[in-house]
Each structure stands twice: as structure tokens, then as C-alpha cells.
């Protein structure tokens, strides 16, 4: 049986991983628009975003190791992930024509599915939640779910 203390610790770890996914999408987006390096962007996020407090509220503490792994693998495997994303999108909508936030999200999720060992269904659920955070009033989360499902079935068919 799991103690309440252990359950709380597991829940905190899960929340930190979720926060690191959101930060990874933000970092990948920022890298694309600013041209910053992986090292520079990771340093900025770890120093100024994780757990920071601003006028609009407090930012969650992220799992630094998970954040770094997702960002680094998304960059290292970007061509492969982008090709998978292209195959999941309709031919009329290649990855370079979609919203840059969604592009960053697909790269982060693709890195987790392909290289980080995250179970595909967990990655899909987590990144659909990230999509809801970025697009709270839109239907983007349904689009993200469909694209990630296609990508995950291609990359890890044994998980389904």
C-alpha cells in the first residue's frame, strides 16, 4: 500500500513533468523565432521561468532533466519528427504552414514519443493538455490529438 506522503510526492513529480512539457513547447517556439541555441534557451528557462513569480502569477516548478531531454531530443531529431508530422497532416498543410506554437508542440511530443521513452498514450494526453493551455477556447486540442495519435501509431505501433 502506498503512503499518503508517497502519493503526494508522486503527484508533485507528475505536475513538475507536465510543467516541463509546457516549458519545452515554449522554449522550442522561442528558439524558432529568436534563433537562440539549445544551451541558451535551457539556461534562460531554468533561471527565469521555472518557479518564477511575476505580476500575472507564479510559474510552476518544472522537472529540469525532463525539460532538457525533451528540448534536446526535439532539436536532435527535428527532421525525423517533422517528417512524421508531415505524414500525419493533410498534404495541403505541410508543417511549415501550421501555427508555430503547434509546430513546437508536435516537435516536443514527437521527441517524447520517439526518443524519450514516454508511453505514447501518456505523451498524447499530456500534449493535448498543453494544447488546451495554449488554445483554451479553440479546437486545436482535437487537431493535436489526431496528429499525435497518427505519429505515435507510426513510431510505436506496438503500444496500441
C-alpha atoms as a PDB file:
ATOM      1  CA  UNK A   1       0.000   0.000   0.000  1.00  0.00           C
ATOM      2  CA  UNK A   2       1.225   3.483  -0.844  1.00  0.00           C
ATOM      3  CA  UNK A   3       1.528   6.020   1.941  1.00  0.00           C
ATOM      4  CA  UNK A   4      -0.157   9.431   1.589  1.00  0.00           C
ATOM      5  CA  UNK A   5       3.299  11.030   1.683  1.00  0.00           C
ATOM      6  CA  UNK A   6       4.442   8.844  -1.247  1.00  0.00           C
ATOM      7  CA  UNK A   7       1.273   9.640  -3.200  1.00  0.00           C
ATOM      8  CA  UNK A   8       1.828  13.374  -2.682  1.00  0.00           C
ATOM      9  CA  UNK A   9       5.426  13.063  -3.851  1.00  0.00           C
ATOM     10  CA  UNK A  10       4.348  11.132  -6.964  1.00  0.00           C
ATOM     11  CA  UNK A  11       1.688  13.753  -7.738  1.00  0.00           C
ATOM     12  CA  UNK A  12       4.240  16.564  -7.344  1.00  0.00           C
ATOM     13  CA  UNK A  13       6.667  14.783  -9.695  1.00  0.00           C
ATOM     14  CA  UNK A  14       3.876  14.309 -12.259  1.00  0.00           C
ATOM     15  CA  UNK A  15       2.948  18.021 -12.061  1.00  0.00           C
ATOM     16  CA  UNK A  16       6.595  19.014 -12.494  1.00  0.00           C
ATOM     17  CA  UNK A  17       6.861  16.814 -15.602  1.00  0.00           C
ATOM     18  CA  UNK A  18       3.669  18.345 -17.002  1.00  0.00           C
ATOM     19  CA  UNK A  19       5.042  21.840 -16.385  1.00  0.00           C
ATOM     20  CA  UNK A  20       8.318  20.899 -18.077  1.00  0.00           C
ATOM     21  CA  UNK A  21       6.365  19.841 -21.184  1.00  0.00           C
ATOM     22  CA  UNK A  22       4.655  23.229 -21.359  1.00  0.00           C
ATOM     23  CA  UNK A  23       8.026  24.949 -20.902  1.00  0.00           C
ATOM     24  CA  UNK A  24       9.582  22.748 -23.611  1.00  0.00           C
ATOM     25  CA  UNK A  25       6.935  23.848 -26.117  1.00  0.00           C
ATOM     26  CA  UNK A  26       7.506  27.487 -25.160  1.00  0.00           C
ATOM     27  CA  UNK A  27      11.286  27.043 -25.446  1.00  0.00           C
ATOM     28  CA  UNK A  28      11.091  25.370 -28.866  1.00  0.00           C
ATOM     29  CA  UNK A  29       8.789  28.135 -30.089  1.00  0.00           C
ATOM     30  CA  UNK A  30      11.150  30.793 -28.738  1.00  0.00           C
ATOM     31  CA  UNK A  31      14.150  29.064 -30.329  1.00  0.00           C
ATOM     32  CA  UNK A  32      12.434  29.093 -33.705  1.00  0.00           C
ATOM     33  CA  UNK A  33      11.514  32.786 -33.618  1.00  0.00           C
ATOM     34  CA  UNK A  34      14.688  34.075 -31.952  1.00  0.00           C
ATOM     35  CA  UNK A  35      17.361  31.703 -33.259  1.00  0.00           C
ATOM     36  CA  UNK A  36      18.679  31.001 -29.732  1.00  0.00           C
ATOM     37  CA  UNK A  37      20.698  27.846 -29.101  1.00  0.00           C
ATOM     38  CA  UNK A  38      19.534  24.889 -27.011  1.00  0.00           C
ATOM     39  CA  UNK A  39      22.055  25.759 -24.313  1.00  0.00           C
ATOM     40  CA  UNK A  40      20.971  29.417 -24.148  1.00  0.00           C
ATOM     41  CA  UNK A  41      17.257  28.644 -24.118  1.00  0.00           C
ATOM     42  CA  UNK A  42      17.600  25.961 -21.439  1.00  0.00           C
ATOM     43  CA  UNK A  43      19.637  28.315 -19.247  1.00  0.00           C
ATOM     44  CA  UNK A  44      17.060  31.093 -19.670  1.00  0.00           C
ATOM     45  CA  UNK A  45      14.101  28.879 -18.815  1.00  0.00           C
ATOM     46  CA  UNK A  46      15.785  27.202 -15.862  1.00  0.00           C
ATOM     47  CA  UNK A  47      16.931  30.551 -14.461  1.00  0.00           C
ATOM     48  CA  UNK A  48      13.967  32.810 -15.194  1.00  0.00           C
ATOM     49  CA  UNK A  49      10.851  30.683 -15.749  1.00  0.00           C
ATOM     50  CA  UNK A  50      10.856  27.601 -13.532  1.00  0.00           C
ATOM     51  CA  UNK A  51       9.062  28.572 -10.310  1.00  0.00           C
ATOM     52  CA  UNK A  52       9.326  32.322 -11.021  1.00  0.00           C
ATOM     53  CA  UNK A  53       6.739  34.768  -9.734  1.00  0.00           C
ATOM     54  CA  UNK A  54       5.506  37.616 -11.935  1.00  0.00           C
ATOM     55  CA  UNK A  55       2.627  40.093 -11.765  1.00  0.00           C
ATOM     56  CA  UNK A  56       0.362  37.662 -13.635  1.00  0.00           C
ATOM     57  CA  UNK A  57       1.085  34.843 -11.185  1.00  0.00           C
ATOM     58  CA  UNK A  58       3.523  32.151 -10.200  1.00  0.00           C
ATOM     59  CA  UNK A  59       5.028  29.762 -12.727  1.00  0.00           C
ATOM     60  CA  UNK A  60       5.124  26.095 -11.789  1.00  0.00           C
ATOM     61  CA  UNK A  61       8.379  24.405 -10.943  1.00  0.00           C
ATOM     62  CA  UNK A  62       9.421  22.135 -13.792  1.00  0.00           C
ATOM     63  CA  UNK A  63      11.388  18.899 -13.968  1.00  0.00           C
ATOM     64  CA  UNK A  64      14.694  20.266 -15.297  1.00  0.00           C
ATOM     65  CA  UNK A  65      16.002  16.905 -16.532  1.00  0.00           C
ATOM     66  CA  UNK A  66      12.799  16.131 -18.415  1.00  0.00           C
ATOM     67  CA  UNK A  67      12.682  19.653 -19.874  1.00  0.00           C
ATOM     68  CA  UNK A  68      16.262  19.389 -21.136  1.00  0.00           C
ATOM     69  CA  UNK A  69      15.719  15.903 -22.563  1.00  0.00           C
ATOM     70  CA  UNK A  70      12.608  16.968 -24.487  1.00  0.00           C
ATOM     71  CA  UNK A  71      14.173  20.161 -25.880  1.00  0.00           C
ATOM     72  CA  UNK A  72      17.466  18.474 -26.813  1.00  0.00           C
ATOM     73  CA  UNK A  73      15.816  15.446 -28.427  1.00  0.00           C
ATOM     74  CA  UNK A  74      13.326  17.650 -30.299  1.00  0.00           C
ATOM     75  CA  UNK A  75      16.240  19.581 -31.788  1.00  0.00           C
ATOM     76  CA  UNK A  76      18.407  16.496 -32.421  1.00  0.00           C
ATOM     77  CA  UNK A  77      15.590  14.600 -34.131  1.00  0.00           C
ATOM     78  CA  UNK A  78      13.739  17.567 -35.649  1.00  0.00           C
ATOM     79  CA  UNK A  79      13.978  16.369 -39.269  1.00  0.00           C
ATOM     80  CA  UNK A  80      12.611  12.916 -38.396  1.00  0.00           C
ATOM     81  CA  UNK A  81       9.861  14.356 -36.183  1.00  0.00           C
ATOM     82  CA  UNK A  82       8.888  16.949 -38.812  1.00  0.00           C
ATOM     83  CA  UNK A  83       8.642  14.200 -41.454  1.00  0.00           C
ATOM     84  CA  UNK A  84       6.368  12.171 -39.156  1.00  0.00           C
ATOM     85  CA  UNK A  85       4.270  15.279 -38.531  1.00  0.00           C
ATOM     86  CA  UNK A  86       4.036  15.980 -42.273  1.00  0.00           C
ATOM     87  CA  UNK A  87       2.757  12.445 -42.863  1.00  0.00           C
ATOM     88  CA  UNK A  88       0.135  12.957 -40.152  1.00  0.00           C
ATOM     89  CA  UNK A  89      -1.032  16.270 -41.618  1.00  0.00           C
ATOM     90  CA  UNK A  90      -3.132  16.642 -44.727  1.00  0.00           C
ATOM     91  CA  UNK A  91      -0.961  17.076 -47.838  1.00  0.00           C
ATOM     92  CA  UNK A  92      -2.226  20.638 -48.229  1.00  0.00           C
ATOM     93  CA  UNK A  93      -0.866  21.579 -44.804  1.00  0.00           C
ATOM     94  CA  UNK A  94       2.865  20.853 -44.521  1.00  0.00           C
ATOM     95  CA  UNK A  95       4.413  21.524 -41.121  1.00  0.00           C
ATOM     96  CA  UNK A  96       5.903  24.854 -42.193  1.00  0.00           C
ATOM     97  CA  UNK A  97       2.359  26.203 -42.824  1.00  0.00           C
ATOM     98  CA  UNK A  98       0.917  25.443 -39.390  1.00  0.00           C
ATOM     99  CA  UNK A  99       0.922  27.678 -36.328  1.00  0.00           C
ATOM    100  CA  UNK A 100       4.447  27.888 -34.839  1.00  0.00           C
ATOM    101  CA  UNK A 101       3.140  27.005 -31.369  1.00  0.00           C
ATOM    102  CA  UNK A 102       1.615  23.802 -32.771  1.00  0.00           C
ATOM    103  CA  UNK A 103       4.845  23.093 -34.650  1.00  0.00           C
ATOM    104  CA  UNK A 104       6.795  23.398 -31.366  1.00  0.00           C
ATOM    105  CA  UNK A 105       4.216  21.195 -29.631  1.00  0.00           C
ATOM    106  CA  UNK A 106       4.498  18.464 -32.289  1.00  0.00           C
ATOM    107  CA  UNK A 107       8.293  18.558 -32.021  1.00  0.00           C
ATOM    108  CA  UNK A 108       8.246  18.253 -28.227  1.00  0.00           C
ATOM    109  CA  UNK A 109       5.657  15.467 -28.283  1.00  0.00           C
ATOM    110  CA  UNK A 110       7.474  13.720 -31.116  1.00  0.00           C
ATOM    111  CA  UNK A 111      10.701  13.799 -29.113  1.00  0.00           C
ATOM    112  CA  UNK A 112       8.959  12.167 -26.160  1.00  0.00           C
ATOM    113  CA  UNK A 113       7.312   9.514 -28.317  1.00  0.00           C
ATOM    114  CA  UNK A 114      10.361   8.714 -30.452  1.00  0.00           C
ATOM    115  CA  UNK A 115      13.355   9.268 -28.170  1.00  0.00           C
ATOM    116  CA  UNK A 116      12.446   9.808 -24.515  1.00  0.00           C
ATOM    117  CA  UNK A 117      10.682   6.531 -23.830  1.00  0.00           C
ATOM    118  CA  UNK A 118       7.430   8.140 -22.713  1.00  0.00           C
ATOM    119  CA  UNK A 119       4.500   5.786 -23.363  1.00  0.00           C
ATOM    120  CA  UNK A 120       2.720   7.193 -26.447  1.00  0.00           C
ATOM    121  CA  UNK A 121      -0.700   7.373 -24.789  1.00  0.00           C
ATOM    122  CA  UNK A 122       0.796   9.385 -21.908  1.00  0.00           C
ATOM    123  CA  UNK A 123       2.545  11.756 -24.336  1.00  0.00           C
ATOM    124  CA  UNK A 124      -0.660  12.253 -26.326  1.00  0.00           C
ATOM    125  CA  UNK A 125      -2.717  13.014 -23.208  1.00  0.00           C
ATOM    126  CA  UNK A 126      -0.098  15.388 -21.815  1.00  0.00           C
ATOM    127  CA  UNK A 127       0.359  17.344 -25.048  1.00  0.00           C
ATOM    128  CA  UNK A 128      -3.385  17.578 -25.688  1.00  0.00           C
ATOM    129  CA  UNK A 129      -3.496  19.270 -22.258  1.00  0.00           C
ATOM    130  CA  UNK A 130      -0.654  21.577 -23.338  1.00  0.00           C
ATOM    131  CA  UNK A 131      -2.662  22.453 -26.467  1.00  0.00           C
ATOM    132  CA  UNK A 132      -5.656  23.295 -24.252  1.00  0.00           C
ATOM    133  CA  UNK A 133      -3.414  25.596 -22.193  1.00  0.00           C
ATOM    134  CA  UNK A 134      -2.238  27.489 -25.285  1.00  0.00           C
ATOM    135  CA  UNK A 135      -5.601  27.470 -27.089  1.00  0.00           C
ATOM    136  CA  UNK A 136      -8.234  27.378 -24.303  1.00  0.00           C
ATOM    137  CA  UNK A 137     -11.180  28.405 -26.481  1.00  0.00           C
ATOM    138  CA  UNK A 138     -10.291  26.674 -29.747  1.00  0.00           C
ATOM    139  CA  UNK A 139     -10.493  23.196 -31.211  1.00  0.00           C
ATOM    140  CA  UNK A 140      -6.730  22.856 -31.626  1.00  0.00           C
ATOM    141  CA  UNK A 141      -6.583  20.171 -28.941  1.00  0.00           C
ATOM    142  CA  UNK A 142      -8.669  17.863 -31.172  1.00  0.00           C
ATOM    143  CA  UNK A 143      -6.304  18.501 -34.080  1.00  0.00           C
ATOM    144  CA  UNK A 144      -3.306  17.831 -31.799  1.00  0.00           C
ATOM    145  CA  UNK A 145      -4.895  14.595 -30.588  1.00  0.00           C
ATOM    146  CA  UNK A 146      -5.422  13.343 -34.155  1.00  0.00           C
ATOM    147  CA  UNK A 147      -1.923  14.268 -35.371  1.00  0.00           C
ATOM    148  CA  UNK A 148      -0.170  12.839 -32.307  1.00  0.00           C
ATOM    149  CA  UNK A 149      -2.216   9.637 -32.497  1.00  0.00           C
ATOM    150  CA  UNK A 150      -1.083   9.186 -36.113  1.00  0.00           C
ATOM    151  CA  UNK A 151       2.546   9.940 -35.221  1.00  0.00           C
ATOM    152  CA  UNK A 152       2.522   7.587 -32.231  1.00  0.00           C
ATOM    153  CA  UNK A 153       0.973   4.714 -34.218  1.00  0.00           C
ATOM    154  CA  UNK A 154       3.700   5.148 -36.834  1.00  0.00           C
ATOM    155  CA  UNK A 155       6.561   5.407 -34.339  1.00  0.00           C
ATOM    156  CA  UNK A 156       5.383   2.864 -31.721  1.00  0.00           C
ATOM    157  CA  UNK A 157       2.668   0.632 -33.235  1.00  0.00           C
ATOM    158  CA  UNK A 158       3.261  -1.987 -30.539  1.00  0.00           C
ATOM    159  CA  UNK A 159       1.909   0.439 -27.912  1.00  0.00           C
ATOM    160  CA  UNK A 160      -1.596   0.267 -29.427  1.00  0.00           C
END
